[in-house]
Amino acid sequence: MSQIKKLSAGVTRTDKAMSDGRTIRYYDTDGASRDAVDQRQKEDQPTIGELRFDSLVNEWVAMAPHRQTRVFLPPKELCPLCPTVGESLTEIPEPRYNVAVFDNRSPSLRPPESGWELPKTQGPQTSTAPAAGVCEVVCYTSDHGKSFKDLSPAQVRTVLEAWRDRTAEISKLDFIEIIFPFENRGEEVGVTLSHPHGQIYAYSYLPPRAEKMLESAQAHKKATGRVLFDDLLAREIKDELRIVAQNAHWVAFVPYAARYPFEIHVAPRNPVPDLAALGEEACDAFPSIALEVLNRLEGVFNIPMAYIASWHQAPVKHDRDIMRLHWEITSVRRAPGKLKYLAGSESSMGAFIMDMRPEQSADQLRNVVLGK
């Protein structure tokens, strides 16, 4: 039995059950009928992992030992994210698709039993808890050979609509604190499947980076009465030096204190707390700036650039008036054949040291000639 939902931008979502009880969601704009059935044998899903509290730094750590056996860099003919063709049965039963989102087969986090609560922190005596959350895979296209930068503007708009839809729906779960759509591209940043895709992690706690950003935003609001990210964006627009691209609804810039050789933040001019809150005009203007930014990044050295692209959103239940949606793209590539390794200072102390000025990388990105 299929469930169908109409979304913005002419996108239709069709939900289907997978053989093991997970859900796959197809996002289409061409009126495609999604009738294929998952023909694979039913498999037991992994049990939920654990959350353990590291009292030295006040951080939760998820334990998911079942992920040790997940698929690792298979050849194209065994790619689980390609469409199903003949007897080659994959995660996507259809012979073609536009955008597909499904529950992760090896999730770090998964929905808990009812009545779940995050334990109160009590130093080393803090209780262990089930690793509650949601992990989903977002397949951008059925074309194995493409990457996000190769998508058409219409396809990017459909991906955006999928992100918005999943953010809105997952936000309703009572055990979720914050939702994090992201993409890892390239083996240099740990990619295990080369098919163009991203993921969505929805956490039952605030991860360290989100917690630190929230604390800074709260302090700035208390001291000035203003929103920190709004002031940050205003400075970047005024300085102009680090602006990489912009249109009527979005601004892309290298941040003043960038941590990576190439780091680009993309923010809507009209501030919103999350993807679901974006207006239609901003949504329609997103594909052009997203494709320009990623093609500029790729063009710096004219080689495939490994990157992590992360959507930062407000928590789903609180402080939505001071936290702002923005997209952060970071690359560890500092030159052809050279990576920025997160070594002793970065990994052990969290103290980043940049090998180049942000203004220099912004200049390199702006000087890329597009459309070659």
Protein backbone atom coordinates (compact mmCIF):
# COMPACT_ATOMS: atom_id res chain seq x y z
CA MET A 1 0.00 0.00 0.00
CA SER A 2 1.38 3.40 -1.04
CA GLN A 3 0.87 6.67 0.78
CA ILE A 4 1.00 9.81 -1.37
CA LYS A 5 1.53 13.41 -0.22
CA LYS A 6 1.60 16.62 -2.27
CA LEU A 7 4.40 19.04 -1.43
CA SER A 8 5.60 22.42 -2.76
CA ALA A 9 7.22 23.00 -6.17
CA GLY A 10 5.08 20.31 -7.78
CA VAL A 11 6.77 17.55 -5.79
CA THR A 12 4.84 14.41 -4.87
CA ARG A 13 6.03 12.10 -2.11
CA THR A 14 5.15 8.42 -2.28
CA ASP A 15 5.84 6.17 0.71
CA LYS A 16 6.42 2.43 0.32
CA ALA A 17 7.30 -0.33 2.76
CA MET A 18 10.63 -2.09 2.33
CA SER A 19 11.01 -5.85 2.83
CA ASP A 20 12.34 -5.47 6.39
CA GLY A 21 9.71 -2.96 7.51
CA ARG A 22 11.67 0.22 6.86
CA THR A 23 10.12 3.02 4.79
CA ILE A 24 11.31 4.43 1.47
CA ARG A 25 9.99 7.79 0.27
CA TYR A 26 10.11 8.79 -3.40
CA TYR A 27 10.07 12.50 -4.32
CA ASP A 28 8.89 13.09 -7.90
CA THR A 29 7.84 15.96 -10.15
CA ASP A 30 6.97 13.93 -13.25
CA GLY A 31 3.90 12.06 -12.00
CA ALA A 32 5.76 8.76 -11.78
CA SER A 33 3.84 5.81 -10.38
CA ARG A 34 5.78 3.99 -7.66
CA ASP A 35 4.52 0.41 -7.75
CA ALA A 36 7.71 -1.67 -7.44
CA VAL A 37 7.87 -4.07 -4.49
CA ASP A 38 11.05 -4.81 -2.54
CA GLN A 39 11.79 -8.41 -3.55
CA ARG A 40 14.60 -9.02 -1.07
CA GLN A 41 14.30 -11.50 1.76
CA LYS A 42 13.25 -10.00 5.06
CA GLU A 43 16.18 -9.33 7.40
CA ASP A 44 16.17 -8.49 11.07
CA GLN A 45 17.04 -4.86 11.76
CA PRO A 46 19.86 -4.07 14.19
CA THR A 47 18.92 -3.38 17.77
CA ILE A 48 19.20 0.13 19.15
CA GLY A 49 22.65 1.19 20.35
CA GLU A 50 23.67 3.04 23.52
CA LEU A 51 24.26 6.62 24.56
CA ARG A 52 27.10 6.95 27.03
CA PHE A 53 28.04 10.20 28.74
CA ASP A 54 31.64 11.42 28.65
CA SER A 55 31.71 13.45 31.85
CA LEU A 56 35.20 14.84 31.14
CA VAL A 57 33.78 17.08 28.40
CA ASN A 58 30.01 16.81 29.08
CA GLU A 59 29.26 15.11 25.76
CA TRP A 60 27.06 12.19 24.76
CA VAL A 61 28.69 9.45 22.66
CA ALA A 62 26.63 6.97 20.60
CA MET A 63 27.77 3.33 20.61
CA ALA A 64 26.66 1.50 17.43
CA PRO A 65 28.84 -1.62 17.06
CA HIS A 66 26.55 -3.08 14.38
CA ARG A 67 27.90 -0.48 11.94
CA GLN A 68 31.22 -2.34 11.71
CA THR A 69 29.67 -4.67 9.13
CA ARG A 70 28.09 -2.02 6.87
CA VAL A 71 28.86 -1.94 3.14
CA PHE A 72 32.25 -0.37 2.35
CA LEU A 73 33.09 1.10 -1.10
CA PRO A 74 31.43 -1.55 -3.26
CA PRO A 75 31.92 -1.54 -7.07
CA LYS A 76 29.22 0.21 -9.12
CA GLU A 77 27.52 -3.09 -10.04
CA LEU A 78 26.98 -3.79 -6.32
CA CYS A 79 25.99 -0.26 -5.28
CA PRO A 80 23.00 -0.49 -2.89
CA LEU A 81 21.85 3.06 -3.80
CA CYS A 82 21.44 2.45 -7.53
CA PRO A 83 18.00 1.47 -8.84
CA THR A 84 17.00 -2.18 -8.89
CA VAL A 85 17.67 -3.69 -12.33
CA GLY A 86 16.76 -7.30 -13.05
CA GLU A 87 18.12 -9.57 -10.34
CA SER A 88 20.37 -6.85 -8.89
CA LEU A 89 18.19 -5.99 -5.90
CA THR A 90 19.09 -2.77 -4.07
CA GLU A 91 17.71 -0.47 -1.40
CA ILE A 92 15.60 1.23 -4.10
CA PRO A 93 13.15 -1.26 -5.69
CA GLU A 94 12.23 1.03 -8.60
CA PRO A 95 14.14 0.81 -11.94
CA ARG A 96 14.62 4.60 -11.86
CA TYR A 97 14.00 7.41 -9.40
CA ASN A 98 14.40 11.16 -8.95
CA VAL A 99 15.06 11.59 -5.24
CA ALA A 100 14.62 8.83 -2.67
CA VAL A 101 14.86 8.91 1.13
CA PHE A 102 14.84 5.78 3.24
CA ASP A 103 15.56 4.67 6.78
CA ASN A 104 19.24 3.80 7.19
CA ARG A 105 19.95 0.08 7.18
CA SER A 106 22.77 0.51 9.74
CA PRO A 107 21.59 3.44 11.84
CA SER A 108 23.73 5.09 14.50
CA LEU A 109 20.48 6.23 16.13
CA ARG A 110 16.98 4.82 15.87
CA PRO A 111 13.51 5.45 17.32
CA PRO A 112 13.26 4.19 20.90
CA GLU A 113 10.48 2.48 22.78
CA SER A 114 7.77 4.81 24.08
CA GLY A 115 8.46 6.69 27.27
CA TRP A 116 12.13 7.35 26.44
CA GLU A 117 13.90 10.18 28.25
CA LEU A 118 17.48 11.42 28.11
CA PRO A 119 19.08 10.73 31.51
CA LYS A 120 19.98 13.63 33.74
CA THR A 121 23.72 14.20 33.75
CA GLN A 122 25.40 13.23 37.02
CA GLY A 123 29.08 13.12 36.10
CA PRO A 124 30.54 9.59 35.94
CA GLN A 125 27.32 8.24 37.48
CA THR A 126 25.18 9.31 34.51
CA SER A 127 23.00 6.46 33.32
CA THR A 128 23.39 4.82 29.93
CA ALA A 129 20.40 5.26 27.60
CA PRO A 130 19.18 3.76 24.32
CA ALA A 131 20.66 5.72 21.38
CA ALA A 132 17.42 7.42 20.40
CA GLY A 133 17.16 9.32 17.14
CA VAL A 134 16.54 8.99 13.42
CA CYS A 135 19.00 8.18 10.63
CA GLU A 136 17.94 8.42 6.98
CA VAL A 137 19.69 8.22 3.62
CA VAL A 138 18.91 10.83 0.94
CA CYS A 139 19.70 9.70 -2.63
CA TYR A 140 20.00 12.74 -4.90
CA THR A 141 19.69 10.92 -8.21
CA SER A 142 19.63 7.43 -9.68
CA ASP A 143 22.70 8.31 -11.81
CA HIS A 144 25.68 6.70 -10.08
CA GLY A 145 28.22 8.80 -11.98
CA LYS A 146 26.99 12.22 -10.92
CA SER A 147 27.60 14.38 -7.86
CA PHE A 148 25.48 17.16 -6.35
CA LYS A 149 27.18 19.80 -8.51
CA ASP A 150 26.06 17.94 -11.65
CA LEU A 151 22.35 17.98 -10.79
CA SER A 152 19.95 20.16 -12.73
CA PRO A 153 18.40 23.13 -10.91
CA ALA A 154 15.07 21.28 -10.93
CA GLN A 155 16.69 18.24 -9.32
CA VAL A 156 18.33 20.40 -6.62
CA ARG A 157 14.92 21.97 -5.92
CA THR A 158 13.47 18.48 -5.44
CA VAL A 159 16.30 17.54 -3.06
CA LEU A 160 15.62 20.73 -1.10
CA GLU A 161 11.94 19.84 -0.89
CA ALA A 162 12.87 16.41 0.46
CA TRP A 163 15.09 18.01 3.13
CA ARG A 164 12.28 20.40 4.08
CA ASP A 165 9.68 17.63 4.22
CA ARG A 166 11.84 15.37 6.38
CA THR A 167 12.72 18.28 8.71
CA ALA A 168 9.04 19.12 9.20
CA GLU A 169 7.99 15.51 9.79
CA ILE A 170 10.85 14.40 12.03
CA SER A 171 10.44 17.56 14.14
CA LYS A 172 7.11 16.17 15.37
CA LEU A 173 8.78 13.23 17.14
CA ASP A 174 8.83 13.90 20.88
CA PHE A 175 12.31 12.46 21.41
CA ILE A 176 14.05 14.65 18.81
CA GLU A 177 16.04 17.76 19.78
CA ILE A 178 17.70 18.82 16.51
CA ILE A 179 17.83 17.71 12.86
CA PHE A 180 21.02 17.60 10.83
CA PRO A 181 20.96 16.95 7.05
CA PHE A 182 24.48 16.56 5.64
CA GLU A 183 26.57 15.13 2.83
CA ASN A 184 30.02 13.54 2.92
CA ARG A 185 31.68 13.56 -0.49
CA GLY A 186 34.99 11.81 -1.14
CA GLU A 187 36.95 9.03 0.51
CA GLU A 188 39.14 11.67 2.18
CA VAL A 189 36.23 12.49 4.52
CA GLY A 190 35.15 8.90 5.13
CA VAL A 191 32.63 8.17 2.40
CA THR A 192 31.79 4.45 2.18
CA LEU A 193 29.37 4.64 -0.78
CA SER A 194 30.30 6.66 -3.87
CA HIS A 195 26.73 7.07 -5.18
CA PRO A 196 25.62 10.74 -4.85
CA HIS A 197 23.75 10.87 -1.56
CA GLY A 198 23.52 12.54 1.81
CA GLN A 199 22.12 11.64 5.18
CA ILE A 200 19.85 13.01 7.87
CA TYR A 201 20.70 12.52 11.52
CA ALA A 202 18.07 13.61 14.04
CA TYR A 203 19.47 13.63 17.57
CA SER A 204 17.75 13.15 20.91
CA TYR A 205 20.29 15.51 22.49
CA LEU A 206 22.18 18.61 21.38
CA PRO A 207 25.53 17.60 19.83
CA PRO A 208 28.59 19.55 21.04
CA ARG A 209 28.80 21.96 18.09
CA ALA A 210 25.09 22.81 18.27
CA GLU A 211 25.30 23.29 22.03
CA LYS A 212 28.27 25.63 21.69
CA MET A 213 26.59 27.65 18.94
CA LEU A 214 23.47 27.93 21.08
CA GLU A 215 25.43 29.13 24.11
CA SER A 216 27.11 31.81 21.99
CA ALA A 217 23.78 32.90 20.54
CA GLN A 218 22.19 33.13 23.99
CA ALA A 219 25.08 35.17 25.36
CA HIS A 220 25.01 37.58 22.41
CA LYS A 221 21.25 38.04 22.71
CA LYS A 222 21.56 38.78 26.43
CA ALA A 223 24.41 41.26 25.89
CA THR A 224 23.08 43.10 22.82
CA GLY A 225 19.44 42.20 22.33
CA ARG A 226 20.32 41.06 18.80
CA VAL A 227 20.70 37.72 17.03
CA LEU A 228 24.33 36.67 16.68
CA PHE A 229 24.09 35.11 13.22
CA ASP A 230 22.27 38.17 11.87
CA ASP A 231 25.13 40.37 13.06
CA LEU A 232 27.69 37.96 11.61
CA LEU A 233 25.97 37.94 8.20
CA ALA A 234 25.65 41.74 8.23
CA ARG A 235 29.43 42.04 8.78
CA GLU A 236 30.20 39.70 5.89
CA ILE A 237 27.91 41.66 3.56
CA LYS A 238 29.46 44.96 4.68
CA ASP A 239 33.07 43.71 4.35
CA GLU A 240 32.42 42.11 0.92
CA LEU A 241 35.96 40.63 0.96
CA ARG A 242 34.82 37.09 1.69
CA ILE A 243 31.62 36.99 -0.38
CA VAL A 244 31.81 34.13 -2.88
CA ALA A 245 28.36 34.28 -4.52
CA GLN A 246 24.97 35.84 -3.91
CA ASN A 247 21.52 36.34 -5.33
CA ALA A 248 18.36 38.09 -4.18
CA HIS A 249 17.67 35.50 -1.47
CA TRP A 250 21.01 33.90 -0.50
CA VAL A 251 24.57 34.92 0.38
CA ALA A 252 27.59 32.59 0.21
CA PHE A 253 30.78 33.59 2.00
CA VAL A 254 34.00 32.32 3.52
CA PRO A 255 33.65 33.06 7.25
CA TYR A 256 35.95 35.56 8.95
CA ALA A 257 37.49 32.83 11.14
CA ALA A 258 37.33 29.86 8.76
CA ARG A 259 38.76 26.62 10.11
CA TYR A 260 39.33 24.78 6.83
CA PRO A 261 41.33 25.58 3.66
CA PHE A 262 38.04 25.98 1.81
CA GLU A 263 34.99 26.74 3.91
CA ILE A 264 31.81 28.28 2.52
CA HIS A 265 28.70 29.26 4.46
CA VAL A 266 25.46 29.81 2.58
CA ALA A 267 22.70 31.70 4.37
CA PRO A 268 19.25 33.02 3.41
CA ARG A 269 18.94 36.81 3.51
CA ASN A 270 15.59 36.42 5.24
CA PRO A 271 16.55 34.56 8.43
CA VAL A 272 14.61 31.43 9.38
CA PRO A 273 15.17 28.74 12.03
CA ASP A 274 15.10 25.71 9.76
CA LEU A 275 14.56 24.36 6.25
CA ALA A 276 10.83 23.90 6.74
CA ALA A 277 10.46 27.63 7.45
CA LEU A 278 11.99 28.77 4.15
CA GLY A 279 9.68 30.77 1.90
CA GLU A 280 8.92 29.64 -1.63
CA GLU A 281 10.99 32.38 -3.28
CA ALA A 282 14.05 31.47 -1.21
CA CYS A 283 13.53 27.80 -2.07
CA ASP A 284 13.30 28.55 -5.77
CA ALA A 285 16.47 30.70 -5.58
CA PHE A 286 18.51 28.06 -3.76
CA PRO A 287 19.49 25.79 -6.69
CA SER A 288 21.38 28.52 -8.55
CA ILE A 289 23.57 29.51 -5.62
CA ALA A 290 24.07 25.91 -4.46
CA LEU A 291 25.29 24.82 -7.89
CA GLU A 292 27.48 27.91 -8.29
CA VAL A 293 29.16 27.39 -4.92
CA LEU A 294 29.87 23.69 -5.48
CA ASN A 295 31.13 24.26 -9.02
CA ARG A 296 33.41 27.04 -7.78
CA LEU A 297 34.75 24.68 -5.13
CA GLU A 298 35.35 21.99 -7.76
CA GLY A 299 36.99 24.51 -10.08
CA VAL A 300 39.66 25.74 -7.66
CA PHE A 301 42.04 22.93 -8.61
CA ASN A 302 39.96 21.34 -11.38
CA ILE A 303 39.92 18.04 -9.50
CA PRO A 304 37.15 16.36 -7.50
CA MET A 305 36.98 18.12 -4.14
CA ALA A 306 36.16 16.12 -1.03
CA TYR A 307 33.83 18.07 1.24
CA ILE A 308 31.29 17.90 4.03
CA ALA A 309 28.11 19.93 3.43
CA SER A 310 26.10 20.46 6.62
CA TRP A 311 22.77 22.12 7.30
CA HIS A 312 22.72 23.84 10.69
CA GLN A 313 19.22 24.38 12.04
CA ALA A 314 17.61 25.57 15.26
CA PRO A 315 16.59 23.03 17.89
CA VAL A 316 13.06 21.82 17.28
CA LYS A 317 11.64 22.75 20.71
CA HIS A 318 13.42 25.89 21.94
CA ASP A 319 15.55 28.94 21.06
CA ARG A 320 14.17 29.05 17.53
CA ASP A 321 14.16 32.84 17.67
CA ILE A 322 17.95 33.11 18.00
CA MET A 323 19.28 30.18 15.95
CA ARG A 324 19.51 30.57 12.16
CA LEU A 325 19.46 28.14 9.28
CA HIS A 326 22.65 28.04 7.21
CA TRP A 327 24.57 25.58 5.04
CA GLU A 328 28.26 25.00 5.78
CA ILE A 329 30.53 23.39 3.16
CA THR A 330 34.04 22.48 4.31
CA SER A 331 36.88 20.88 2.37
CA VAL A 332 40.16 19.51 3.72
CA ARG A 333 41.84 19.91 0.31
CA ARG A 334 44.41 22.73 0.55
CA ALA A 335 46.27 22.03 -2.71
CA PRO A 336 46.44 19.28 -5.34
CA GLY A 337 47.90 16.28 -3.53
CA LYS A 338 47.74 17.99 -0.12
CA LEU A 339 45.13 17.69 2.60
CA LYS A 340 44.59 19.67 5.79
CA TYR A 341 44.89 16.94 8.40
CA LEU A 342 43.12 17.43 11.71
CA ALA A 343 46.20 16.50 13.70
CA GLY A 344 47.25 17.07 17.32
CA SER A 345 46.02 20.63 17.89
CA GLU A 346 42.74 20.19 16.03
CA SER A 347 41.87 16.63 17.07
CA SER A 348 43.14 16.62 20.65
CA MET A 349 42.57 20.23 21.71
CA GLY A 350 39.91 21.40 19.25
CA ALA A 351 42.18 24.34 18.43
CA PHE A 352 42.20 24.93 14.67
CA ILE A 353 45.17 26.47 12.89
CA MET A 354 44.60 27.76 9.35
CA ASP A 355 47.32 27.50 6.71
CA MET A 356 45.80 30.28 4.60
CA ARG A 357 43.79 33.43 5.21
CA PRO A 358 40.02 33.18 4.58
CA GLU A 359 40.29 36.16 2.23
CA GLN A 360 42.75 34.18 0.12
CA SER A 361 40.45 31.17 -0.29
CA ALA A 362 37.49 33.48 -1.01
CA ASP A 363 39.53 35.13 -3.76
CA GLN A 364 40.43 31.75 -5.25
CA LEU A 365 36.78 30.71 -5.26
CA ARG A 366 35.62 33.96 -6.89
CA ASN A 367 38.28 33.67 -9.60
CA VAL A 368 37.06 30.29 -10.80
CA VAL A 369 35.70 30.65 -14.34
CA LEU A 370 32.42 28.77 -14.51
CA GLY A 371 30.91 27.09 -17.52
CA LYS A 372 34.11 25.60 -18.94
